[in-house]
């Protein structure tokens, strides 16, 4: 049974992982008779009130929040090894840009959590597929920054974000919610999800295609 690492950044679109994207990803993996290995870094996040979009002043554990989506079955990112996985998938949500990286605050000058970079590069070196959706393809661009590798990815249609990713060295491809962009040489699959989707059904169309392609690559 294929084992897909699903890397979460908390729980909630504004301060963690986008819940719809994460759940659809897990459902698609299960429907493909594969195993999801859910993981998240053990760190703190700034809590956002999802009714108002405002900071609450509180902090929460990324790992504990992600465990809500995982129904308690979760592995700290620090314990996950590429050798134990057949592929990795990154759901989106603002947490990818502010917890797993600092893209939200630093743009093209951003960096990425060392554990995330190490996992992406190790999966790539082993020829194992990497999937990402919504804003999470930025993590791939950041991981390969200054490496000489120029992954082809999509975040949809936003020209400002696309320009930032190209500054980091990625090649951006415009795509709609039901599309997937496949970088065959680098074994990377991306889809815009809620970067362009206006409903869970729209987001699910691309996510389900992404998961199927990742498993086909395995």
Protein backbone atom coordinates (compact mmCIF):
# COMPACT_ATOMS: atom_id res chain seq x y z
CA UNK A 1 0.00 0.00 0.00
CA UNK A 2 1.47 3.39 -1.00
CA UNK A 3 2.27 5.68 1.93
CA UNK A 4 1.72 9.39 1.30
CA UNK A 5 2.97 11.93 3.80
CA UNK A 6 0.39 14.70 4.29
CA UNK A 7 2.12 17.72 5.78
CA UNK A 8 -0.16 20.04 7.74
CA UNK A 9 0.48 23.52 9.12
CA UNK A 10 -2.20 23.73 11.80
CA UNK A 11 -5.99 23.82 11.49
CA UNK A 12 -7.75 26.68 9.72
CA UNK A 13 -7.31 28.57 6.48
CA UNK A 14 -6.07 31.83 8.04
CA UNK A 15 -3.50 30.45 10.48
CA UNK A 16 -2.93 26.82 9.50
CA UNK A 17 -3.94 24.26 6.90
CA UNK A 18 -7.05 24.83 4.79
CA UNK A 19 -9.42 22.28 6.30
CA UNK A 20 -11.43 21.52 3.15
CA UNK A 21 -8.24 20.93 1.16
CA UNK A 22 -6.76 18.73 3.87
CA UNK A 23 -9.90 16.61 4.27
CA UNK A 24 -10.43 16.21 0.51
CA UNK A 25 -6.78 15.16 0.21
CA UNK A 26 -7.20 12.53 2.93
CA UNK A 27 -10.44 11.29 1.35
CA UNK A 28 -8.83 11.03 -2.09
CA UNK A 29 -5.88 9.09 -0.66
CA UNK A 30 -8.23 6.67 1.12
CA UNK A 31 -10.32 6.19 -2.03
CA UNK A 32 -7.14 5.25 -3.90
CA UNK A 33 -6.47 2.51 -1.30
CA UNK A 34 -3.35 4.29 -0.09
CA UNK A 35 -2.23 5.27 3.42
CA UNK A 36 -1.97 8.85 4.64
CA UNK A 37 0.86 9.53 7.08
CA UNK A 38 -0.22 12.82 8.63
CA UNK A 39 2.46 15.04 10.07
CA UNK A 40 3.06 18.61 11.24
CA UNK A 41 5.89 20.52 12.92
CA UNK A 42 5.90 20.89 16.70
CA UNK A 43 5.85 24.69 16.94
CA UNK A 44 3.58 27.55 17.95
CA UNK A 45 1.34 29.65 15.69
CA UNK A 46 -0.40 32.98 16.17
CA UNK A 47 -4.12 32.35 16.45
CA UNK A 48 -6.52 34.07 14.06
CA UNK A 49 -10.21 34.57 14.81
CA UNK A 50 -11.73 32.97 11.72
CA UNK A 51 -14.91 35.05 12.07
CA UNK A 52 -13.09 38.39 11.81
CA UNK A 53 -9.64 37.57 10.41
CA UNK A 54 -8.03 39.39 13.34
CA UNK A 55 -5.22 38.15 15.59
CA UNK A 56 -6.53 37.07 18.98
CA UNK A 57 -3.23 37.49 20.81
CA UNK A 58 -3.19 33.79 21.69
CA UNK A 59 -0.85 31.11 20.41
CA UNK A 60 -1.58 27.50 19.60
CA UNK A 61 0.48 24.41 18.85
CA UNK A 62 0.71 23.63 15.14
CA UNK A 63 1.03 19.92 15.94
CA UNK A 64 -1.94 19.90 18.34
CA UNK A 65 -4.12 21.88 15.92
CA UNK A 66 -3.22 19.60 13.01
CA UNK A 67 -4.09 16.61 15.19
CA UNK A 68 -7.71 17.81 15.07
CA UNK A 69 -7.78 17.14 11.32
CA UNK A 70 -5.87 13.87 11.80
CA UNK A 71 -8.33 12.64 14.45
CA UNK A 72 -5.40 12.36 16.82
CA UNK A 73 -3.24 10.09 14.67
CA UNK A 74 -0.31 12.32 13.77
CA UNK A 75 3.49 12.13 13.71
CA UNK A 76 5.72 15.10 14.57
CA UNK A 77 7.48 16.29 11.43
CA UNK A 78 10.84 15.91 13.11
CA UNK A 79 10.28 12.13 13.22
CA UNK A 80 9.31 11.72 9.56
CA UNK A 81 11.88 10.40 7.08
CA UNK A 82 11.68 10.36 3.29
CA UNK A 83 12.75 6.71 3.33
CA UNK A 84 9.48 5.82 5.08
CA UNK A 85 7.25 7.51 2.48
CA UNK A 86 6.39 6.93 -1.17
CA UNK A 87 5.26 10.53 -1.79
CA UNK A 88 4.42 13.74 0.06
CA UNK A 89 1.48 16.11 -0.36
CA UNK A 90 1.12 19.63 1.03
CA UNK A 91 -2.43 21.00 1.45
CA UNK A 92 -2.66 24.78 1.35
CA UNK A 93 -3.87 27.41 3.77
CA UNK A 94 -2.12 30.48 5.09
CA UNK A 95 -0.11 28.32 7.49
CA UNK A 96 2.05 27.21 4.57
CA UNK A 97 3.07 30.85 4.11
CA UNK A 98 3.49 31.79 7.77
CA UNK A 99 4.19 28.58 9.75
CA UNK A 100 6.03 26.31 7.31
CA UNK A 101 7.73 29.35 5.77
CA UNK A 102 7.76 33.13 6.19
CA UNK A 103 6.60 33.84 2.64
CA UNK A 104 3.65 35.88 3.94
CA UNK A 105 5.99 38.39 5.54
CA UNK A 106 9.13 38.28 3.40
CA UNK A 107 7.96 37.46 -0.12
CA UNK A 108 10.85 36.64 -2.44
CA UNK A 109 13.26 37.02 0.50
CA UNK A 110 11.48 34.25 2.38
CA UNK A 111 12.91 31.09 3.85
CA UNK A 112 11.40 27.75 4.77
CA UNK A 113 11.51 25.52 7.83
CA UNK A 114 14.69 23.41 7.61
CA UNK A 115 12.67 20.22 8.21
CA UNK A 116 10.40 21.03 5.28
CA UNK A 117 13.32 21.80 2.98
CA UNK A 118 15.12 18.62 4.00
CA UNK A 119 12.04 16.48 3.39
CA UNK A 120 11.30 17.99 -0.04
CA UNK A 121 14.92 17.68 -1.18
CA UNK A 122 15.20 14.12 0.13
CA UNK A 123 12.02 13.07 -1.65
CA UNK A 124 13.25 14.70 -4.86
CA UNK A 125 16.66 13.04 -4.60
CA UNK A 126 14.96 9.67 -4.18
CA UNK A 127 12.73 10.27 -7.21
CA UNK A 128 9.58 10.22 -5.11
CA UNK A 129 6.57 12.36 -6.12
CA UNK A 130 5.76 15.66 -4.42
CA UNK A 131 2.31 17.26 -4.53
CA UNK A 132 1.14 20.68 -3.36
CA UNK A 133 -1.97 22.81 -3.66
CA UNK A 134 -3.21 26.36 -3.12
CA UNK A 135 -0.28 28.48 -1.81
CA UNK A 136 1.74 25.41 -0.74
CA UNK A 137 3.59 25.12 -4.11
CA UNK A 138 5.56 28.10 -2.80
CA UNK A 139 7.20 25.66 -0.38
CA UNK A 140 8.56 23.76 -3.36
CA UNK A 141 9.92 26.95 -4.91
CA UNK A 142 11.56 27.88 -1.60
CA UNK A 143 13.05 24.42 -1.11
CA UNK A 144 14.77 24.56 -4.51
CA UNK A 145 15.81 28.22 -4.29
CA UNK A 146 19.44 28.68 -5.43
CA UNK A 147 19.72 24.93 -6.18
CA UNK A 148 19.84 25.21 -9.98
CA UNK A 149 16.58 23.25 -10.17
CA UNK A 150 13.60 25.18 -11.53
CA UNK A 151 10.38 23.33 -10.71
CA UNK A 152 7.27 23.99 -12.78
CA UNK A 153 4.36 24.71 -10.43
CA UNK A 154 1.05 26.58 -10.23
CA UNK A 155 -0.79 28.71 -7.71
CA UNK A 156 -3.52 29.49 -10.23
CA UNK A 157 -3.82 32.88 -11.89
CA UNK A 158 -2.58 35.54 -9.44
CA UNK A 159 0.20 37.43 -11.27
CA UNK A 160 1.79 38.91 -8.14
CA UNK A 161 2.23 35.58 -6.38
CA UNK A 162 3.34 33.94 -9.64
CA UNK A 163 6.01 36.63 -10.08
CA UNK A 164 7.27 35.99 -6.54
CA UNK A 165 7.61 32.28 -7.25
CA UNK A 166 9.48 32.99 -10.49
CA UNK A 167 11.83 35.31 -8.58
CA UNK A 168 12.57 32.30 -6.36
CA UNK A 169 13.54 30.30 -9.45
CA UNK A 170 10.36 28.37 -10.18
CA UNK A 171 8.50 28.29 -13.49
CA UNK A 172 4.85 29.24 -13.04
CA UNK A 173 2.05 27.77 -15.13
CA UNK A 174 -1.40 29.35 -15.10
CA UNK A 175 -4.14 26.88 -14.17
CA UNK A 176 -7.78 26.69 -13.13
CA UNK A 177 -9.18 24.90 -10.08
CA UNK A 178 -9.80 21.61 -11.90
CA UNK A 179 -6.36 21.59 -13.53
CA UNK A 180 -3.17 19.94 -12.37
CA UNK A 181 0.31 20.96 -13.51
CA UNK A 182 2.75 18.08 -13.83
CA UNK A 183 6.50 18.66 -13.78
CA UNK A 184 7.51 15.30 -15.22
CA UNK A 185 11.32 15.53 -14.77
CA UNK A 186 11.01 16.61 -11.13
CA UNK A 187 7.96 14.43 -10.36
CA UNK A 188 5.99 17.37 -8.94
CA UNK A 189 2.22 17.82 -9.22
CA UNK A 190 0.42 21.03 -8.22
CA UNK A 191 -3.12 22.42 -8.37
CA UNK A 192 -4.54 25.84 -7.42
CA UNK A 193 -7.40 24.62 -5.16
CA UNK A 194 -8.78 27.58 -3.17
CA UNK A 195 -6.36 30.04 -4.75
CA UNK A 196 -8.98 30.13 -7.52
CA UNK A 197 -11.78 27.75 -6.45
CA UNK A 198 -15.04 29.26 -5.22
CA UNK A 199 -16.49 26.06 -3.75
CA UNK A 200 -15.34 22.84 -2.14
CA UNK A 201 -16.47 20.92 -5.23
CA UNK A 202 -14.24 23.06 -7.45
CA UNK A 203 -11.27 22.61 -5.13
CA UNK A 204 -11.91 18.87 -4.88
CA UNK A 205 -11.80 18.40 -8.65
CA UNK A 206 -8.14 19.40 -8.86
CA UNK A 207 -7.13 17.80 -5.56
CA UNK A 208 -8.56 14.42 -6.55
CA UNK A 209 -6.71 14.58 -9.87
CA UNK A 210 -3.51 15.51 -8.05
CA UNK A 211 -3.75 12.54 -5.69
CA UNK A 212 -4.51 10.13 -8.52
CA UNK A 213 -1.49 11.39 -10.48
CA UNK A 214 0.80 11.17 -7.46
CA UNK A 215 -0.24 7.54 -6.88
CA UNK A 216 0.15 6.77 -10.59
CA UNK A 217 3.71 8.10 -10.36
CA UNK A 218 4.42 5.86 -7.39
